[in-house]
Amino acid sequence: MFRFYFINRIIKSGNSYCAIGQKHFSQKGYQFFFVSSDSGEPIHIHVTKNGHLCKIWLTAMKIAYNHGFKIHEMAEIIRLVRTHRAMIEEKWNEHFTK
């Protein structure tokens, strides 16, 4: 069962990133979340783990940026985003189309 929450901001400390707030859902140690100030952007999800951070565009299923994840980790993240895409889009629309 996944719980969805919204992050207020992302903090960078050295080479590590930290999401401030609660996570949307996590799986295999990856934390998947939205940032509330991203409402003007196309649907996407941010992912963090062990101080690494990336952003995935759902419409094109492309990596917007990657800060620290290895290639095999990005492949796993993309697979997880594809698996949960419908749920991610539903939660995005619930929050950003209020």
N, C-alpha and C. Protein backbone atom coordinates (compact mmCIF):
# COMPACT_ATOMS: atom_id res chain seq x y z
N MET A 1 0.84 -1.18 0.00
CA MET A 1 0.00 0.00 0.00
C MET A 1 0.88 1.24 0.00
N PHE A 2 0.61 2.17 -0.89
CA PHE A 2 1.38 3.40 -0.97
C PHE A 2 0.58 4.56 -0.42
N ARG A 3 1.22 5.44 0.31
CA ARG A 3 0.61 6.69 0.77
C ARG A 3 1.22 7.81 -0.04
N PHE A 4 0.40 8.76 -0.42
CA PHE A 4 0.89 9.90 -1.18
C PHE A 4 0.89 11.16 -0.35
N TYR A 5 2.00 11.88 -0.38
CA TYR A 5 2.16 13.16 0.31
C TYR A 5 2.88 14.11 -0.64
N PHE A 6 3.00 15.34 -0.24
CA PHE A 6 3.68 16.32 -1.08
C PHE A 6 4.85 16.94 -0.33
N ILE A 7 5.90 17.19 -1.05
CA ILE A 7 7.14 17.72 -0.50
C ILE A 7 7.14 19.24 -0.66
N ASN A 8 7.59 19.92 0.36
CA ASN A 8 7.66 21.37 0.31
C ASN A 8 8.88 21.87 -0.45
N ARG A 9 9.99 21.19 -0.28
CA ARG A 9 11.22 21.63 -0.96
C ARG A 9 12.27 20.54 -0.94
N ILE A 10 13.29 20.74 -1.76
CA ILE A 10 14.42 19.82 -1.83
C ILE A 10 15.66 20.61 -1.42
N ILE A 11 16.43 20.07 -0.51
CA ILE A 11 17.62 20.72 0.01
C ILE A 11 18.86 19.99 -0.51
N LYS A 12 19.85 20.75 -0.98
CA LYS A 12 21.13 20.17 -1.38
C LYS A 12 22.16 20.47 -0.30
N SER A 13 22.87 19.44 0.11
CA SER A 13 23.94 19.59 1.08
C SER A 13 25.16 18.87 0.54
N GLY A 14 26.12 19.62 0.05
CA GLY A 14 27.27 19.01 -0.60
C GLY A 14 26.82 18.33 -1.87
N ASN A 15 27.07 17.03 -1.99
CA ASN A 15 26.64 16.27 -3.16
C ASN A 15 25.38 15.45 -2.88
N SER A 16 24.74 15.68 -1.75
CA SER A 16 23.56 14.92 -1.38
C SER A 16 22.31 15.79 -1.43
N TYR A 17 21.17 15.14 -1.66
CA TYR A 17 19.89 15.83 -1.73
C TYR A 17 18.95 15.22 -0.70
N CYS A 18 18.09 16.06 -0.15
CA CYS A 18 17.14 15.61 0.85
C CYS A 18 15.79 16.26 0.58
N ALA A 19 14.73 15.48 0.55
CA ALA A 19 13.38 15.99 0.38
C ALA A 19 12.84 16.37 1.75
N ILE A 20 12.34 17.61 1.87
CA ILE A 20 11.79 18.09 3.13
C ILE A 20 10.29 17.86 3.11
N GLY A 21 9.80 17.06 4.02
CA GLY A 21 8.39 16.71 4.07
C GLY A 21 8.25 15.20 4.09
N GLN A 22 7.08 14.73 3.74
CA GLN A 22 6.86 13.29 3.73
C GLN A 22 6.87 12.75 2.31
N LYS A 23 7.22 11.50 2.18
CA LYS A 23 7.30 10.88 0.87
C LYS A 23 5.92 10.50 0.33
N HIS A 24 5.81 10.38 -0.97
CA HIS A 24 4.58 9.88 -1.60
C HIS A 24 4.49 8.39 -1.41
N PHE A 25 5.49 7.70 -1.92
CA PHE A 25 5.56 6.27 -1.69
C PHE A 25 7.00 5.84 -1.81
N SER A 26 7.29 4.72 -1.26
CA SER A 26 8.65 4.20 -1.39
C SER A 26 8.57 2.73 -1.75
N GLN A 27 9.56 2.32 -2.48
CA GLN A 27 9.68 0.93 -2.87
C GLN A 27 11.16 0.66 -3.13
N LYS A 28 11.62 -0.45 -2.61
CA LYS A 28 13.02 -0.84 -2.76
C LYS A 28 13.98 0.25 -2.28
N GLY A 29 13.55 1.00 -1.29
CA GLY A 29 14.39 2.06 -0.72
C GLY A 29 14.33 3.39 -1.45
N TYR A 30 13.72 3.41 -2.62
CA TYR A 30 13.56 4.67 -3.37
C TYR A 30 12.34 5.40 -2.82
N GLN A 31 12.46 6.71 -2.64
CA GLN A 31 11.33 7.53 -2.22
C GLN A 31 10.86 8.33 -3.42
N PHE A 32 9.60 8.17 -3.78
CA PHE A 32 9.00 8.83 -4.94
C PHE A 32 8.09 9.94 -4.42
N PHE A 33 8.22 11.14 -4.99
CA PHE A 33 7.43 12.26 -4.48
C PHE A 33 7.23 13.34 -5.53
N PHE A 34 6.24 14.20 -5.26
CA PHE A 34 6.00 15.42 -6.04
C PHE A 34 6.49 16.60 -5.20
N VAL A 35 6.73 17.71 -5.86
CA VAL A 35 7.03 18.97 -5.18
C VAL A 35 5.87 19.90 -5.49
N SER A 36 5.21 20.40 -4.47
CA SER A 36 3.98 21.18 -4.65
C SER A 36 4.16 22.38 -5.57
N SER A 37 5.32 22.98 -5.61
CA SER A 37 5.54 24.16 -6.46
C SER A 37 5.71 23.81 -7.93
N ASP A 38 5.65 22.54 -8.30
CA ASP A 38 5.83 22.11 -9.69
C ASP A 38 4.53 22.07 -10.49
N SER A 39 3.48 22.70 -10.02
CA SER A 39 2.16 22.58 -10.66
C SER A 39 2.12 23.05 -12.10
N GLY A 40 2.98 23.96 -12.50
CA GLY A 40 2.98 24.47 -13.88
C GLY A 40 3.74 23.58 -14.86
N GLU A 41 4.33 22.52 -14.38
CA GLU A 41 5.13 21.64 -15.24
C GLU A 41 4.31 20.43 -15.67
N PRO A 42 4.75 19.75 -16.75
CA PRO A 42 4.09 18.49 -17.13
C PRO A 42 4.24 17.45 -16.00
N ILE A 43 3.42 16.42 -16.04
CA ILE A 43 3.44 15.40 -14.99
C ILE A 43 4.83 14.75 -14.90
N HIS A 44 5.34 14.71 -13.67
CA HIS A 44 6.64 14.10 -13.42
C HIS A 44 6.70 13.65 -11.96
N ILE A 45 7.71 12.87 -11.65
CA ILE A 45 7.93 12.39 -10.29
C ILE A 45 9.41 12.56 -9.96
N HIS A 46 9.69 12.93 -8.71
CA HIS A 46 11.06 13.02 -8.21
C HIS A 46 11.34 11.74 -7.44
N VAL A 47 12.60 11.32 -7.44
CA VAL A 47 12.99 10.10 -6.73
C VAL A 47 14.28 10.38 -5.99
N THR A 48 14.35 9.92 -4.75
CA THR A 48 15.57 10.08 -3.96
C THR A 48 15.90 8.78 -3.23
N LYS A 49 17.18 8.57 -3.03
CA LYS A 49 17.67 7.44 -2.24
C LYS A 49 19.14 7.70 -1.94
N ASN A 50 19.51 7.51 -0.68
CA ASN A 50 20.92 7.65 -0.27
C ASN A 50 21.55 8.96 -0.74
N GLY A 51 20.79 10.05 -0.71
CA GLY A 51 21.32 11.35 -1.08
C GLY A 51 21.35 11.63 -2.57
N HIS A 52 20.90 10.69 -3.39
CA HIS A 52 20.82 10.89 -4.85
C HIS A 52 19.41 11.36 -5.19
N LEU A 53 19.29 12.02 -6.34
CA LEU A 53 18.01 12.60 -6.74
C LEU A 53 17.87 12.55 -8.25
N CYS A 54 16.66 12.25 -8.72
CA CYS A 54 16.38 12.34 -10.15
C CYS A 54 14.93 12.78 -10.35
N LYS A 55 14.63 13.16 -11.57
CA LYS A 55 13.28 13.59 -11.94
C LYS A 55 12.93 12.89 -13.24
N ILE A 56 11.72 12.29 -13.28
CA ILE A 56 11.27 11.55 -14.45
C ILE A 56 10.01 12.20 -15.02
N TRP A 57 10.04 12.55 -16.30
CA TRP A 57 8.85 13.04 -17.00
C TRP A 57 7.99 11.84 -17.35
N LEU A 58 6.73 11.84 -16.95
CA LEU A 58 5.87 10.69 -17.23
C LEU A 58 5.34 10.68 -18.65
N THR A 59 5.09 11.86 -19.24
CA THR A 59 4.51 11.89 -20.59
C THR A 59 5.42 11.24 -21.61
N ALA A 60 6.70 11.48 -21.51
CA ALA A 60 7.66 10.90 -22.45
C ALA A 60 8.47 9.77 -21.83
N MET A 61 8.25 9.52 -20.53
CA MET A 61 9.02 8.53 -19.77
C MET A 61 10.52 8.75 -19.99
N LYS A 62 10.95 10.00 -19.76
CA LYS A 62 12.35 10.38 -19.94
C LYS A 62 12.90 10.95 -18.64
N ILE A 63 14.21 10.86 -18.51
CA ILE A 63 14.90 11.40 -17.34
C ILE A 63 15.11 12.90 -17.55
N ALA A 64 14.55 13.72 -16.66
CA ALA A 64 14.75 15.16 -16.74
C ALA A 64 16.14 15.50 -16.21
N TYR A 65 16.52 14.89 -15.08
CA TYR A 65 17.87 15.02 -14.55
C TYR A 65 18.16 13.86 -13.63
N ASN A 66 19.44 13.63 -13.42
CA ASN A 66 19.91 12.57 -12.53
C ASN A 66 21.13 13.09 -11.79
N HIS A 67 21.04 13.13 -10.48
CA HIS A 67 22.16 13.55 -9.64
C HIS A 67 22.60 12.38 -8.77
N GLY A 68 23.46 11.53 -9.32
CA GLY A 68 24.11 10.50 -8.51
C GLY A 68 23.70 9.06 -8.71
N PHE A 69 22.55 8.80 -9.32
CA PHE A 69 22.16 7.40 -9.51
C PHE A 69 22.98 6.76 -10.62
N LYS A 70 23.31 5.49 -10.44
CA LYS A 70 24.03 4.72 -11.46
C LYS A 70 23.04 4.25 -12.52
N ILE A 71 23.56 3.81 -13.66
CA ILE A 71 22.72 3.40 -14.79
C ILE A 71 21.74 2.29 -14.39
N HIS A 72 22.21 1.29 -13.66
CA HIS A 72 21.30 0.20 -13.28
C HIS A 72 20.22 0.68 -12.30
N GLU A 73 20.55 1.67 -11.47
CA GLU A 73 19.54 2.23 -10.56
C GLU A 73 18.49 3.01 -11.35
N MET A 74 18.92 3.76 -12.36
CA MET A 74 17.97 4.51 -13.18
C MET A 74 17.05 3.55 -13.94
N ALA A 75 17.58 2.43 -14.40
CA ALA A 75 16.75 1.44 -15.08
C ALA A 75 15.68 0.90 -14.13
N GLU A 76 16.06 0.66 -12.89
CA GLU A 76 15.10 0.19 -11.88
C GLU A 76 14.06 1.26 -11.58
N ILE A 77 14.48 2.50 -11.46
CA ILE A 77 13.55 3.60 -11.20
C ILE A 77 12.54 3.74 -12.34
N ILE A 78 13.02 3.71 -13.57
CA ILE A 78 12.12 3.81 -14.73
C ILE A 78 11.12 2.65 -14.72
N ARG A 79 11.58 1.46 -14.39
CA ARG A 79 10.69 0.30 -14.33
C ARG A 79 9.61 0.52 -13.26
N LEU A 80 9.99 1.01 -12.10
CA LEU A 80 9.03 1.26 -11.02
C LEU A 80 8.04 2.37 -11.40
N VAL A 81 8.53 3.41 -12.06
CA VAL A 81 7.64 4.49 -12.49
C VAL A 81 6.64 3.96 -13.52
N ARG A 82 7.10 3.16 -14.46
CA ARG A 82 6.18 2.55 -15.44
C ARG A 82 5.12 1.69 -14.75
N THR A 83 5.55 0.91 -13.78
CA THR A 83 4.64 0.02 -13.06
C THR A 83 3.55 0.82 -12.34
N HIS A 84 3.92 1.95 -11.77
CA HIS A 84 2.99 2.75 -10.96
C HIS A 84 2.50 4.01 -11.67
N ARG A 85 2.70 4.07 -12.97
CA ARG A 85 2.38 5.28 -13.74
C ARG A 85 0.93 5.75 -13.56
N ALA A 86 -0.02 4.86 -13.67
CA ALA A 86 -1.43 5.25 -13.55
C ALA A 86 -1.71 5.85 -12.18
N MET A 87 -1.18 5.25 -11.14
CA MET A 87 -1.39 5.76 -9.79
C MET A 87 -0.71 7.12 -9.61
N ILE A 88 0.49 7.27 -10.13
CA ILE A 88 1.20 8.54 -10.04
C ILE A 88 0.41 9.64 -10.74
N GLU A 89 -0.07 9.36 -11.95
CA GLU A 89 -0.84 10.36 -12.70
C GLU A 89 -2.14 10.70 -11.97
N GLU A 90 -2.79 9.71 -11.39
CA GLU A 90 -4.03 9.96 -10.65
C GLU A 90 -3.78 10.89 -9.46
N LYS A 91 -2.73 10.61 -8.69
CA LYS A 91 -2.41 11.43 -7.53
C LYS A 91 -1.96 12.83 -7.93
N TRP A 92 -1.22 12.93 -9.02
CA TRP A 92 -0.81 14.25 -9.54
C TRP A 92 -2.06 15.08 -9.86
N ASN A 93 -2.98 14.48 -10.61
CA ASN A 93 -4.19 15.19 -11.03
C ASN A 93 -5.06 15.57 -9.83
N GLU A 94 -5.16 14.69 -8.85
CA GLU A 94 -5.93 15.00 -7.64
C GLU A 94 -5.37 16.24 -6.94
N HIS A 95 -4.07 16.33 -6.88
CA HIS A 95 -3.45 17.44 -6.15
C HIS A 95 -3.40 18.73 -6.97
N PHE A 96 -2.96 18.62 -8.21
CA PHE A 96 -2.67 19.83 -8.98
C PHE A 96 -3.87 20.38 -9.74
N THR A 97 -5.00 19.67 -9.80
CA THR A 97 -6.17 20.20 -10.50
C THR A 97 -7.28 20.60 -9.53
N LYS A 98 -6.91 20.86 -8.29
CA LYS A 98 -7.90 21.30 -7.29
C LYS A 98 -8.40 22.68 -7.62
